[in-house]
Amino acid sequence: KMAADTSVEILQKVLENEILQTTKVVEEHLDAEMQKLDQMDEDELERLKQRRLEALKKAQQQKQEWLSKGHGEYREIPSERDFFQEVKESKNVVCHFYRDTTFRCQIMDKHLTVLAKKHVETKFLKLNAEKSPFLCERLRIKVIPTLALVKDGKTQDYVVGFTDLGNTDDFTTETLEWRLGCADIINYSGNLMDPPFQSQKKYGTSFTKLDKKTIRGKKYDSDSDDD
């Protein structure tokens, strides 16, 4: 017992020392930043303020441009022709190929609705696979649901079924967000090396990764199961 108590005390001291060192680094950084501000004259402070205001203004203008192109909401497009127009307008597009009779499409809808509002930088769409036979044939979409991840008019990646999402119907919105972040189709702020779902050894993290596959005519292989 004494040995165990000693080990605990040593561990506590090590942790306390690490915390103190981290705190010291943060304080030194803050002190340096404060010193910079103190050394600035009024003109320099005014220029700094203007640069920040310009950056905020530019970010707001960009957001308004995205919203004007249909970003910020998860919506259905009626036809294949609309698909090509939509991906032409926006740099980053997530398109859910769904079918009314497939229950898992409703699960995907729920998560995409949340992410569309959070990630305004990306356009989120859905298209009925039964009404888009040309696209489904060209993209070789056999599994429903499938997400086509389109960047600069080219399909860069696919999320086929729930395989990359922990292989479960109960995956979280954060898991799908992480998967889209891996494809660089959204601005992901988390750690890509740390998937939100647990038991990675059980589920695996293999992706149906495709590089620079164009929308027109490129193919990929997948399972033929559609549920």
Foldseek 3Di string as FASTA:
>chain_A
DVVVVVVVVVVVVVVVVVVVVVVVVVVVVVVVVVVVVVPDDPVVVVVVVVVVVVVVVVVVVVLVLLVVLPFQAEEEDEAPVVVQVSLQSAQKEKEWAAAPPDPLVVLVVVLLRVVRNVFSNYHHYYYHCVRYVPLCVLAVQQAPTKIFIHGNQAGFFMDGRCLQQQPDSPGDSQQVVLVCVVSVRTPDDDDNVDGPDPPCVVRPRDGRGHHRHHSGRDYDDDDNDHD
